[in-house]
Amino acid sequence: MNQIVRTRPAPVRMGASACPHDCPSTCALEVEIVDERTIGRVRGAQDNGYTAGVVCAKVARYAERAHHPDRLTVPLLRRGAKGSGELIPVSWDAALDLVAERFLRAQERHGAQTVWPYYYAGTMGLVMRDGIHRLRHAKKYSGFHSSICVNPAFSGFAAGTGRVAGPDPREMAKSDLVVIWGTNAACTQVNVMKHAVRARKERGAKLVAVDIYMNSTMEQADLPVLIRPGTDGALACAVMHCLFRDGRADWDYLDRYTDAPRELEQHLRARPALGGLHHRLSGRDHRGLRAPRGRAQARVFPPRLRLQPVAQRGR
């Protein structure tokens, strides 16, 4: 009598890694290792308090891009006019020689500063991203501070808080009010949204979202605040005005950690029109958006503010 022999699948080898994408989260990852050159599923590290087994859909499908047959693996040299699509594969040595020749030619004609190594993070780690500084310093090429992408946001954030940093995002799960301002976390930072939703489920916390269009995060918020582009400053001043006016400012905190809280209070008090803006936070904004019935109103305190320096991205 024939017997069916069932073989057990070989145990999947798992490796630890970190997400290389240019995102504030830097999620800890668990990666299936199929062989020395092939990966399988990618998921958030289960033993990490921030990721807790969750990762965004883009990174979860990393293997599809890394091993896609159409992935570009060699340099392509353009032979025709721009836009013609006339590209031919060349060796890495030939590509690097061409770039070096162009750099030297430009430097001879216009000086070293005519070469500007423009870059940012993308999917590069720190070594890959910042390694270009060695060439820039040695050749005295032009330089710039970090990126033209987020510098305006970073500068404003540092001026307002003293440094580009915020609270531990896991603290959101312990909050009574979570404000997500200017970032579509439901699509671009799923772990931020996970901790915000956890606070809602476990503590009854309210979620307020502030943005310039109705995105996925705004749709999930208890109070979506839709504002015109460029009016964030007016809204922030209105909120501070009401906090001071209604006696809800934490003066012990302000006296300990800020340098001019009373001057700020006087500055905002001298602008009574800001108080009128508060009524638009309580159900209807100046473009006619009404918060659905039963949702949180603006007077929910004290808040844990999740302020993200990502005004130019994450949309």
C-alpha atoms as a PDB file:
ATOM      1  CA  MET A   1       0.000   0.000   0.000  1.00  0.00           C
ATOM      2  CA  ASN A   2       1.481   3.334  -1.061  1.00  0.00           C
ATOM      3  CA  GLN A   3       2.005   5.949   1.615  1.00  0.00           C
ATOM      4  CA  ILE A   4       2.039   9.705   1.108  1.00  0.00           C
ATOM      5  CA  VAL A   5       5.135  11.185   2.643  1.00  0.00           C
ATOM      6  CA  ARG A   6       4.590  14.778   3.738  1.00  0.00           C
ATOM      7  CA  THR A   7       7.724  16.874   3.955  1.00  0.00           C
ATOM      8  CA  ARG A   8       7.898  19.819   6.272  1.00  0.00           C
ATOM      9  CA  PRO A   9       8.814  23.139   4.674  1.00  0.00           C
ATOM     10  CA  ALA A  10      12.285  24.324   5.496  1.00  0.00           C
ATOM     11  CA  PRO A  11      12.292  26.938   8.265  1.00  0.00           C
ATOM     12  CA  VAL A  12      12.438  30.462   6.940  1.00  0.00           C
ATOM     13  CA  ARG A  13      15.575  32.309   7.874  1.00  0.00           C
ATOM     14  CA  MET A  14      14.847  35.784   9.244  1.00  0.00           C
ATOM     15  CA  GLY A  15      17.162  38.782   9.268  1.00  0.00           C
ATOM     16  CA  ALA A  16      16.978  42.086  11.138  1.00  0.00           C
ATOM     17  CA  SER A  17      17.220  45.338   9.230  1.00  0.00           C
ATOM     18  CA  ALA A  18      16.015  48.952   9.195  1.00  0.00           C
ATOM     19  CA  CYS A  19      14.060  50.761   6.532  1.00  0.00           C
ATOM     20  CA  PRO A  20      16.321  52.856   4.265  1.00  0.00           C
ATOM     21  CA  HIS A  21      13.586  55.199   3.046  1.00  0.00           C
ATOM     22  CA  ASP A  22      13.700  58.913   3.735  1.00  0.00           C
ATOM     23  CA  CYS A  23      10.992  58.900   6.397  1.00  0.00           C
ATOM     24  CA  PRO A  24      11.040  60.126  10.014  1.00  0.00           C
ATOM     25  CA  SER A  25      10.091  56.649  11.253  1.00  0.00           C
ATOM     26  CA  THR A  26      13.182  54.552  10.315  1.00  0.00           C
ATOM     27  CA  CYS A  27      11.159  51.403  11.006  1.00  0.00           C
ATOM     28  CA  ALA A  28      12.815  48.280  12.383  1.00  0.00           C
ATOM     29  CA  LEU A  29      12.276  45.389   9.978  1.00  0.00           C
ATOM     30  CA  GLU A  30      12.149  41.608   9.892  1.00  0.00           C
ATOM     31  CA  VAL A  31      13.190  40.274   6.475  1.00  0.00           C
ATOM     32  CA  GLU A  32      12.783  36.756   5.109  1.00  0.00           C
ATOM     33  CA  ILE A  33      16.090  35.531   3.629  1.00  0.00           C
ATOM     34  CA  VAL A  34      15.508  33.062   0.799  1.00  0.00           C
ATOM     35  CA  ASP A  35      19.163  32.747  -0.189  1.00  0.00           C
ATOM     36  CA  GLU A  36      22.287  34.917  -0.224  1.00  0.00           C
ATOM     37  CA  ARG A  37      20.861  37.200  -2.947  1.00  0.00           C
ATOM     38  CA  THR A  38      17.101  36.907  -2.535  1.00  0.00           C
ATOM     39  CA  ILE A  39      14.700  38.247   0.072  1.00  0.00           C
ATOM     40  CA  GLY A  40      11.082  37.325   0.698  1.00  0.00           C
ATOM     41  CA  ARG A  41       8.498  39.075   2.838  1.00  0.00           C
ATOM     42  CA  VAL A  42       9.343  42.229   4.744  1.00  0.00           C
ATOM     43  CA  ARG A  43       7.414  43.245   7.850  1.00  0.00           C
ATOM     44  CA  GLY A  44       7.797  45.508  10.848  1.00  0.00           C
ATOM     45  CA  ALA A  45       9.837  44.086  13.711  1.00  0.00           C
ATOM     46  CA  GLN A  46       7.499  42.479  16.211  1.00  0.00           C
ATOM     47  CA  ASP A  47       9.716  43.182  19.222  1.00  0.00           C
ATOM     48  CA  ASN A  48      10.081  46.903  18.453  1.00  0.00           C
ATOM     49  CA  GLY A  49       7.664  49.094  20.378  1.00  0.00           C
ATOM     50  CA  TYR A  50       7.184  51.513  17.494  1.00  0.00           C
ATOM     51  CA  THR A  51       6.726  49.146  14.554  1.00  0.00           C
ATOM     52  CA  ALA A  52       5.140  46.282  16.553  1.00  0.00           C
ATOM     53  CA  GLY A  53       4.901  44.089  13.451  1.00  0.00           C
ATOM     54  CA  VAL A  54       3.502  46.818  11.181  1.00  0.00           C
ATOM     55  CA  VAL A  55       5.154  48.402   8.152  1.00  0.00           C
ATOM     56  CA  CYS A  56       3.846  50.429   5.214  1.00  0.00           C
ATOM     57  CA  ALA A  57       2.687  48.709   2.014  1.00  0.00           C
ATOM     58  CA  LYS A  58       5.569  50.170   0.007  1.00  0.00           C
ATOM     59  CA  VAL A  59       8.222  48.521   2.163  1.00  0.00           C
ATOM     60  CA  ALA A  60       6.220  45.317   2.651  1.00  0.00           C
ATOM     61  CA  ARG A  61       6.516  44.776  -1.137  1.00  0.00           C
ATOM     62  CA  TYR A  62      10.236  45.548  -1.256  1.00  0.00           C
ATOM     63  CA  ALA A  63      11.121  42.155  -2.731  1.00  0.00           C
ATOM     64  CA  GLU A  64       8.957  42.836  -5.799  1.00  0.00           C
ATOM     65  CA  ARG A  65      11.067  45.869  -6.679  1.00  0.00           C
ATOM     66  CA  ALA A  66      14.431  44.496  -5.611  1.00  0.00           C
ATOM     67  CA  HIS A  67      14.028  41.375  -7.763  1.00  0.00           C
ATOM     68  CA  HIS A  68      11.918  42.773 -10.587  1.00  0.00           C
ATOM     69  CA  PRO A  69      13.236  41.646 -14.003  1.00  0.00           C
ATOM     70  CA  ASP A  70      12.984  45.203 -15.351  1.00  0.00           C
ATOM     71  CA  ARG A  71      15.025  46.739 -12.562  1.00  0.00           C
ATOM     72  CA  LEU A  72      17.848  48.943 -13.847  1.00  0.00           C
ATOM     73  CA  THR A  73      21.174  47.257 -13.025  1.00  0.00           C
ATOM     74  CA  VAL A  74      23.653  48.945 -15.406  1.00  0.00           C
ATOM     75  CA  PRO A  75      24.267  52.579 -16.449  1.00  0.00           C
ATOM     76  CA  LEU A  76      22.489  53.781 -19.593  1.00  0.00           C
ATOM     77  CA  LEU A  77      24.075  56.349 -21.913  1.00  0.00           C
ATOM     78  CA  ARG A  78      21.888  58.648 -23.985  1.00  0.00           C
ATOM     79  CA  ARG A  79      22.795  58.710 -27.665  1.00  0.00           C
ATOM     80  CA  GLY A  80      19.997  60.811 -29.145  1.00  0.00           C
ATOM     81  CA  ALA A  81      18.251  64.015 -28.157  1.00  0.00           C
ATOM     82  CA  LYS A  82      16.705  64.395 -24.721  1.00  0.00           C
ATOM     83  CA  GLY A  83      13.386  62.615 -24.630  1.00  0.00           C
ATOM     84  CA  SER A  84      14.189  60.416 -27.611  1.00  0.00           C
ATOM     85  CA  GLY A  85      14.641  57.326 -25.472  1.00  0.00           C
ATOM     86  CA  GLU A  86      17.828  56.366 -27.310  1.00  0.00           C
ATOM     87  CA  LEU A  87      19.731  54.768 -24.453  1.00  0.00           C
ATOM     88  CA  ILE A  88      22.441  52.149 -24.592  1.00  0.00           C
ATOM     89  CA  PRO A  89      23.944  50.143 -21.712  1.00  0.00           C
ATOM     90  CA  VAL A  90      27.572  50.916 -20.815  1.00  0.00           C
ATOM     91  CA  SER A  91      29.988  49.604 -18.209  1.00  0.00           C
ATOM     92  CA  TRP A  92      30.330  51.224 -14.806  1.00  0.00           C
ATOM     93  CA  ASP A  93      33.929  52.222 -15.620  1.00  0.00           C
ATOM     94  CA  ALA A  94      32.816  53.975 -18.808  1.00  0.00           C
ATOM     95  CA  ALA A  95      30.016  55.794 -16.972  1.00  0.00           C
ATOM     96  CA  LEU A  96      32.284  56.955 -14.148  1.00  0.00           C
ATOM     97  CA  ASP A  97      34.966  58.090 -16.603  1.00  0.00           C
ATOM     98  CA  LEU A  98      32.399  60.177 -18.485  1.00  0.00           C
ATOM     99  CA  VAL A  99      31.134  61.856 -15.313  1.00  0.00           C
ATOM    100  CA  ALA A 100      34.688  62.582 -14.118  1.00  0.00           C
ATOM    101  CA  GLU A 101      35.607  64.086 -17.507  1.00  0.00           C
ATOM    102  CA  ARG A 102      32.576  66.388 -17.416  1.00  0.00           C
ATOM    103  CA  PHE A 103      33.395  67.507 -13.878  1.00  0.00           C
ATOM    104  CA  LEU A 104      37.009  68.287 -14.799  1.00  0.00           C
ATOM    105  CA  ARG A 105      35.984  70.138 -17.942  1.00  0.00           C
ATOM    106  CA  ALA A 106      33.455  72.297 -16.058  1.00  0.00           C
ATOM    107  CA  GLN A 107      35.984  73.049 -13.315  1.00  0.00           C
ATOM    108  CA  GLU A 108      38.624  74.111 -15.841  1.00  0.00           C
ATOM    109  CA  ARG A 109      36.217  76.483 -17.587  1.00  0.00           C
ATOM    110  CA  HIS A 110      34.293  77.991 -14.667  1.00  0.00           C
ATOM    111  CA  GLY A 111      36.046  77.025 -11.421  1.00  0.00           C
ATOM    112  CA  ALA A 112      35.360  74.333  -8.838  1.00  0.00           C
ATOM    113  CA  GLN A 113      32.140  75.877  -7.521  1.00  0.00           C
ATOM    114  CA  THR A 114      30.420  75.367 -10.863  1.00  0.00           C
ATOM    115  CA  VAL A 115      29.972  71.729  -9.788  1.00  0.00           C
ATOM    116  CA  TRP A 116      27.128  71.354  -7.306  1.00  0.00           C
ATOM    117  CA  PRO A 117      26.593  67.838  -5.913  1.00  0.00           C
ATOM    118  CA  TYR A 118      22.844  68.013  -5.389  1.00  0.00           C
ATOM    119  CA  TYR A 119      21.418  65.030  -3.531  1.00  0.00           C
ATOM    120  CA  TYR A 120      19.231  63.919  -0.690  1.00  0.00           C
ATOM    121  CA  ALA A 121      18.235  60.671   0.954  1.00  0.00           C
ATOM    122  CA  GLY A 122      15.777  58.646  -1.119  1.00  0.00           C
ATOM    123  CA  THR A 123      16.578  55.059  -0.191  1.00  0.00           C
ATOM    124  CA  MET A 124      20.197  55.658   0.771  1.00  0.00           C
ATOM    125  CA  GLY A 125      21.658  55.038   4.201  1.00  0.00           C
ATOM    126  CA  LEU A 126      23.890  57.553   5.964  1.00  0.00           C
ATOM    127  CA  VAL A 127      27.113  56.249   4.421  1.00  0.00           C
ATOM    128  CA  MET A 128      25.762  56.290   0.871  1.00  0.00           C
ATOM    129  CA  ARG A 129      24.093  59.670   1.330  1.00  0.00           C
ATOM    130  CA  ASP A 130      26.902  61.552   3.060  1.00  0.00           C
ATOM    131  CA  GLY A 131      29.855  59.827   1.365  1.00  0.00           C
ATOM    132  CA  ILE A 132      29.671  62.421  -1.420  1.00  0.00           C
ATOM    133  CA  HIS A 133      30.978  65.046   1.018  1.00  0.00           C
ATOM    134  CA  ARG A 134      34.468  63.549   0.743  1.00  0.00           C
ATOM    135  CA  LEU A 135      34.545  64.353  -2.976  1.00  0.00           C
ATOM    136  CA  ARG A 136      32.957  67.774  -2.453  1.00  0.00           C
ATOM    137  CA  HIS A 137      35.463  68.827   0.219  1.00  0.00           C
ATOM    138  CA  ALA A 138      38.473  67.477  -1.683  1.00  0.00           C
ATOM    139  CA  LYS A 139      37.502  69.253  -4.914  1.00  0.00           C
ATOM    140  CA  LYS A 140      36.061  72.381  -3.222  1.00  0.00           C
ATOM    141  CA  TYR A 141      32.776  72.016  -5.071  1.00  0.00           C
ATOM    142  CA  SER A 142      29.701  74.041  -4.105  1.00  0.00           C
ATOM    143  CA  GLY A 143      27.763  72.865  -1.084  1.00  0.00           C
ATOM    144  CA  PHE A 144      24.461  73.442   0.654  1.00  0.00           C
ATOM    145  CA  HIS A 145      22.841  72.588   3.950  1.00  0.00           C
ATOM    146  CA  SER A 146      21.333  69.111   3.792  1.00  0.00           C
ATOM    147  CA  SER A 147      18.643  69.641   1.160  1.00  0.00           C
ATOM    148  CA  ILE A 148      16.430  72.174  -0.598  1.00  0.00           C
ATOM    149  CA  CYS A 149      13.499  69.924   0.297  1.00  0.00           C
ATOM    150  CA  VAL A 150      12.832  70.477   4.006  1.00  0.00           C
ATOM    151  CA  ASN A 151      15.070  73.361   5.051  1.00  0.00           C
ATOM    152  CA  PRO A 152      12.212  75.896   5.315  1.00  0.00           C
ATOM    153  CA  ALA A 153      10.261  73.512   7.557  1.00  0.00           C
ATOM    154  CA  PHE A 154      13.330  72.574   9.598  1.00  0.00           C
ATOM    155  CA  SER A 155      14.236  76.233  10.116  1.00  0.00           C
ATOM    156  CA  GLY A 156      10.767  77.122  11.338  1.00  0.00           C
ATOM    157  CA  PHE A 157      10.553  74.067  13.563  1.00  0.00           C
ATOM    158  CA  ALA A 158      13.949  74.766  15.143  1.00  0.00           C
ATOM    159  CA  ALA A 159      13.073  78.433  15.687  1.00  0.00           C
ATOM    160  CA  GLY A 160       9.863  77.478  17.441  1.00  0.00           C
ATOM    161  CA  THR A 161      11.036  74.520  19.522  1.00  0.00           C
ATOM    162  CA  GLY A 162      14.813  74.959  19.812  1.00  0.00           C
ATOM    163  CA  ARG A 163      15.690  71.834  17.854  1.00  0.00           C
ATOM    164  CA  VAL A 164      14.329  69.563  15.146  1.00  0.00           C
ATOM    165  CA  ALA A 165      12.931  66.931  17.478  1.00  0.00           C
ATOM    166  CA  GLY A 166       9.661  65.899  18.998  1.00  0.00           C
ATOM    167  CA  PRO A 167       8.208  63.539  21.579  1.00  0.00           C
ATOM    168  CA  ASP A 168       8.537  59.790  21.346  1.00  0.00           C
ATOM    169  CA  PRO A 169       5.747  58.848  18.909  1.00  0.00           C
ATOM    170  CA  ARG A 170       4.787  55.914  21.110  1.00  0.00           C
ATOM    171  CA  GLU A 171       3.558  58.475  23.657  1.00  0.00           C
ATOM    172  CA  MET A 172       0.647  59.181  21.333  1.00  0.00           C
ATOM    173  CA  ALA A 173      -0.946  55.947  22.531  1.00  0.00           C
ATOM    174  CA  LYS A 174      -1.095  57.512  26.030  1.00  0.00           C
ATOM    175  CA  SER A 175      -2.651  60.788  24.904  1.00  0.00           C
ATOM    176  CA  ASP A 176      -6.128  62.204  25.316  1.00  0.00           C
ATOM    177  CA  LEU A 177      -5.951  64.322  22.181  1.00  0.00           C
ATOM    178  CA  VAL A 178      -3.734  63.672  19.158  1.00  0.00           C
ATOM    179  CA  VAL A 179      -3.258  66.471  16.614  1.00  0.00           C
ATOM    180  CA  ILE A 180      -1.802  65.426  13.259  1.00  0.00           C
ATOM    181  CA  TRP A 181      -0.953  68.623  11.417  1.00  0.00           C
ATOM    182  CA  GLY A 182       0.208  68.765   7.818  1.00  0.00           C
ATOM    183  CA  THR A 183       0.997  65.093   7.235  1.00  0.00           C
ATOM    184  CA  ASN A 184      -1.165  62.355   5.739  1.00  0.00           C
ATOM    185  CA  ALA A 185      -0.092  59.751   8.284  1.00  0.00           C
ATOM    186  CA  ALA A 186      -2.707  57.196   7.230  1.00  0.00           C
ATOM    187  CA  CYS A 187      -0.860  56.799   3.920  1.00  0.00           C
ATOM    188  CA  THR A 188       2.709  57.929   4.551  1.00  0.00           C
ATOM    189  CA  GLN A 189       3.366  57.059   8.226  1.00  0.00           C
ATOM    190  CA  VAL A 190       1.187  54.109   9.082  1.00  0.00           C
ATOM    191  CA  ASN A 191       2.852  53.549  12.447  1.00  0.00           C
ATOM    192  CA  VAL A 192       2.079  57.099  13.539  1.00  0.00           C
ATOM    193  CA  MET A 193      -1.545  56.412  12.671  1.00  0.00           C
ATOM    194  CA  LYS A 194      -1.418  53.072  14.468  1.00  0.00           C
ATOM    195  CA  HIS A 195      -0.442  54.701  17.783  1.00  0.00           C
ATOM    196  CA  ALA A 196      -2.996  57.475  17.300  1.00  0.00           C
ATOM    197  CA  VAL A 197      -5.769  54.946  16.684  1.00  0.00           C
ATOM    198  CA  ARG A 198      -4.580  52.930  19.672  1.00  0.00           C
ATOM    199  CA  ALA A 199      -5.090  56.004  21.887  1.00  0.00           C
ATOM    200  CA  ARG A 200      -8.603  56.342  20.487  1.00  0.00           C
ATOM    201  CA  LYS A 201      -9.483  52.679  21.146  1.00  0.00           C
ATOM    202  CA  GLU A 202      -7.876  52.297  24.570  1.00  0.00           C
ATOM    203  CA  ARG A 203      -8.353  55.783  26.053  1.00  0.00           C
ATOM    204  CA  GLY A 204     -11.174  57.310  24.088  1.00  0.00           C
ATOM    205  CA  ALA A 205      -8.756  59.897  22.741  1.00  0.00           C
ATOM    206  CA  LYS A 206      -9.862  62.331  20.065  1.00  0.00           C
ATOM    207  CA  LEU A 207      -7.989  62.671  16.785  1.00  0.00           C
ATOM    208  CA  VAL A 208      -7.731  66.086  15.136  1.00  0.00           C
ATOM    209  CA  ALA A 209      -6.222  66.459  11.667  1.00  0.00           C
ATOM    210  CA  VAL A 210      -5.233  69.755  10.066  1.00  0.00           C
ATOM    211  CA  ASP A 211      -4.523  69.881   6.344  1.00  0.00           C
ATOM    212  CA  ILE A 212      -5.248  71.716   3.117  1.00  0.00           C
ATOM    213  CA  TYR A 213      -7.228  68.908   1.452  1.00  0.00           C
ATOM    214  CA  MET A 214      -9.398  65.982   2.486  1.00  0.00           C
ATOM    215  CA  ASN A 215      -6.982  63.054   2.593  1.00  0.00           C
ATOM    216  CA  SER A 216      -7.225  59.664   4.286  1.00  0.00           C
ATOM    217  CA  THR A 217      -6.080  60.992   7.664  1.00  0.00           C
ATOM    218  CA  MET A 218      -8.609  63.834   7.574  1.00  0.00           C
ATOM    219  CA  GLU A 219     -11.383  61.359   6.766  1.00  0.00           C
ATOM    220  CA  GLN A 220     -10.508  59.233   9.815  1.00  0.00           C
ATOM    221  CA  ALA A 221     -10.219  62.188  12.194  1.00  0.00           C
ATOM    222  CA  ASP A 222     -12.832  63.033  14.810  1.00  0.00           C
ATOM    223  CA  LEU A 223     -12.320  66.659  13.851  1.00  0.00           C
ATOM    224  CA  PRO A 224     -10.871  67.414  10.397  1.00  0.00           C
ATOM    225  CA  VAL A 225      -9.783  71.051  10.110  1.00  0.00           C
ATOM    226  CA  LEU A 226      -9.533  72.069   6.471  1.00  0.00           C
ATOM    227  CA  ILE A 227      -7.580  75.278   5.915  1.00  0.00           C
ATOM    228  CA  ARG A 228      -6.330  77.305   3.000  1.00  0.00           C
ATOM    229  CA  PRO A 229      -2.685  76.761   1.956  1.00  0.00           C
ATOM    230  CA  GLY A 230      -0.381  79.117   3.839  1.00  0.00           C
ATOM    231  CA  THR A 231      -2.748  79.800   6.741  1.00  0.00           C
ATOM    232  CA  ASP A 232      -1.185  77.360   9.229  1.00  0.00           C
ATOM    233  CA  GLY A 233       0.437  80.244  11.098  1.00  0.00           C
ATOM    234  CA  ALA A 234      -2.886  82.038  11.567  1.00  0.00           C
ATOM    235  CA  LEU A 235      -4.506  78.849  12.842  1.00  0.00           C
ATOM    236  CA  ALA A 236      -1.640  78.181  15.278  1.00  0.00           C
ATOM    237  CA  CYS A 237      -1.851  81.759  16.585  1.00  0.00           C
ATOM    238  CA  ALA A 238      -5.620  81.403  17.024  1.00  0.00           C
ATOM    239  CA  VAL A 239      -5.186  78.209  19.040  1.00  0.00           C
ATOM    240  CA  MET A 240      -2.561  79.856  21.277  1.00  0.00           C
ATOM    241  CA  HIS A 241      -4.775  82.938  21.639  1.00  0.00           C
ATOM    242  CA  CYS A 242      -7.635  80.784  22.945  1.00  0.00           C
ATOM    243  CA  LEU A 243      -5.381  78.806  25.279  1.00  0.00           C
ATOM    244  CA  PHE A 244      -4.132  81.991  26.892  1.00  0.00           C
ATOM    245  CA  ARG A 245      -7.565  83.677  26.899  1.00  0.00           C
ATOM    246  CA  ASP A 246      -9.366  80.736  28.480  1.00  0.00           C
ATOM    247  CA  GLY A 247      -6.732  80.056  31.135  1.00  0.00           C
ATOM    248  CA  ARG A 248      -5.645  76.726  29.665  1.00  0.00           C
ATOM    249  CA  ALA A 249      -1.946  77.525  29.169  1.00  0.00           C
ATOM    250  CA  ASP A 250       0.452  75.382  31.211  1.00  0.00           C
ATOM    251  CA  TRP A 251       2.418  78.223  32.824  1.00  0.00           C
ATOM    252  CA  ASP A 252       4.679  75.928  34.859  1.00  0.00           C
ATOM    253  CA  TYR A 253       5.818  74.280  31.646  1.00  0.00           C
ATOM    254  CA  LEU A 254       6.099  77.566  29.746  1.00  0.00           C
ATOM    255  CA  ASP A 255       8.159  79.251  32.476  1.00  0.00           C
ATOM    256  CA  ARG A 256      10.524  76.292  32.644  1.00  0.00           C
ATOM    257  CA  TYR A 257      11.057  75.515  28.981  1.00  0.00           C
ATOM    258  CA  THR A 258      10.347  78.690  26.968  1.00  0.00           C
ATOM    259  CA  ASP A 259      12.014  82.069  26.882  1.00  0.00           C
ATOM    260  CA  ALA A 260       9.213  84.620  26.375  1.00  0.00           C
ATOM    261  CA  PRO A 261       5.758  83.161  27.138  1.00  0.00           C
ATOM    262  CA  ARG A 262       4.296  86.334  28.624  1.00  0.00           C
ATOM    263  CA  GLU A 263       5.519  88.426  25.724  1.00  0.00           C
ATOM    264  CA  LEU A 264       3.828  85.910  23.420  1.00  0.00           C
ATOM    265  CA  GLU A 265       0.599  86.171  25.415  1.00  0.00           C
ATOM    266  CA  GLN A 266       0.638  89.971  25.133  1.00  0.00           C
ATOM    267  CA  HIS A 267       1.402  89.749  21.416  1.00  0.00           C
ATOM    268  CA  LEU A 268      -1.581  87.480  20.798  1.00  0.00           C
ATOM    269  CA  ARG A 269      -3.892  89.397  23.146  1.00  0.00           C
ATOM    270  CA  ALA A 270      -3.250  92.526  21.088  1.00  0.00           C
ATOM    271  CA  ARG A 271      -4.886  90.765  18.131  1.00  0.00           C
ATOM    272  CA  PRO A 272      -8.482  90.111  19.192  1.00  0.00           C
ATOM    273  CA  ALA A 273      -9.454  89.039  15.672  1.00  0.00           C
ATOM    274  CA  LEU A 274      -7.696  85.755  16.391  1.00  0.00           C
ATOM    275  CA  GLY A 275     -10.398  84.918  18.886  1.00  0.00           C
ATOM    276  CA  GLY A 276     -12.987  84.991  16.134  1.00  0.00           C
ATOM    277  CA  LEU A 277     -11.099  82.330  14.227  1.00  0.00           C
ATOM    278  CA  HIS A 278     -11.616  79.966  17.161  1.00  0.00           C
ATOM    279  CA  HIS A 279     -15.322  79.609  16.319  1.00  0.00           C
ATOM    280  CA  ARG A 280     -14.347  78.224  12.929  1.00  0.00           C
ATOM    281  CA  LEU A 281     -12.384  75.499  14.680  1.00  0.00           C
ATOM    282  CA  SER A 282     -15.520  74.334  16.476  1.00  0.00           C
ATOM    283  CA  GLY A 283     -17.412  72.790  13.613  1.00  0.00           C
ATOM    284  CA  ARG A 284     -17.037  74.945  10.521  1.00  0.00           C
ATOM    285  CA  ASP A 285     -13.983  76.478   8.899  1.00  0.00           C
ATOM    286  CA  HIS A 286     -13.858  79.457   6.585  1.00  0.00           C
ATOM    287  CA  ARG A 287     -14.431  77.317   3.481  1.00  0.00           C
ATOM    288  CA  GLY A 288     -17.647  75.781   4.779  1.00  0.00           C
ATOM    289  CA  LEU A 289     -16.363  72.402   5.974  1.00  0.00           C
ATOM    290  CA  ARG A 290     -18.506  71.171   8.841  1.00  0.00           C
ATOM    291  CA  ALA A 291     -17.273  68.530  11.246  1.00  0.00           C
ATOM    292  CA  PRO A 292     -19.748  65.590  11.275  1.00  0.00           C
ATOM    293  CA  ARG A 293     -22.142  65.488  14.215  1.00  0.00           C
ATOM    294  CA  GLY A 294     -20.899  63.630  17.229  1.00  0.00           C
ATOM    295  CA  ARG A 295     -17.274  64.368  16.445  1.00  0.00           C
ATOM    296  CA  ALA A 296     -14.891  66.106  18.807  1.00  0.00           C
ATOM    297  CA  GLN A 297     -14.988  69.856  19.064  1.00  0.00           C
ATOM    298  CA  ALA A 298     -11.890  72.003  19.236  1.00  0.00           C
ATOM    299  CA  ARG A 299     -12.130  72.546  23.008  1.00  0.00           C
ATOM    300  CA  VAL A 300     -10.563  69.248  24.023  1.00  0.00           C
ATOM    301  CA  PHE A 301      -7.556  69.657  26.288  1.00  0.00           C
ATOM    302  CA  PRO A 302      -4.832  68.928  27.228  1.00  0.00           C
ATOM    303  CA  PRO A 303      -3.344  67.894  23.875  1.00  0.00           C
ATOM    304  CA  ARG A 304      -0.319  65.872  22.931  1.00  0.00           C
ATOM    305  CA  LEU A 305       0.777  67.620  19.767  1.00  0.00           C
ATOM    306  CA  ARG A 306       2.380  65.479  17.079  1.00  0.00           C
ATOM    307  CA  LEU A 307       4.048  68.195  15.001  1.00  0.00           C
ATOM    308  CA  GLN A 308       5.886  66.818  11.993  1.00  0.00           C
ATOM    309  CA  PRO A 309       8.557  68.801  10.091  1.00  0.00           C
ATOM    310  CA  VAL A 310       7.310  67.446   6.807  1.00  0.00           C
ATOM    311  CA  ALA A 311       5.408  70.367   5.345  1.00  0.00           C
ATOM    312  CA  GLN A 312       6.914  69.809   1.863  1.00  0.00           C
ATOM    313  CA  ARG A 313       6.378  66.062   1.681  1.00  0.00           C
ATOM    314  CA  GLY A 314       4.288  63.238   3.062  1.00  0.00           C
ATOM    315  CA  ARG A 315       1.198  64.340   1.121  1.00  0.00           C
END
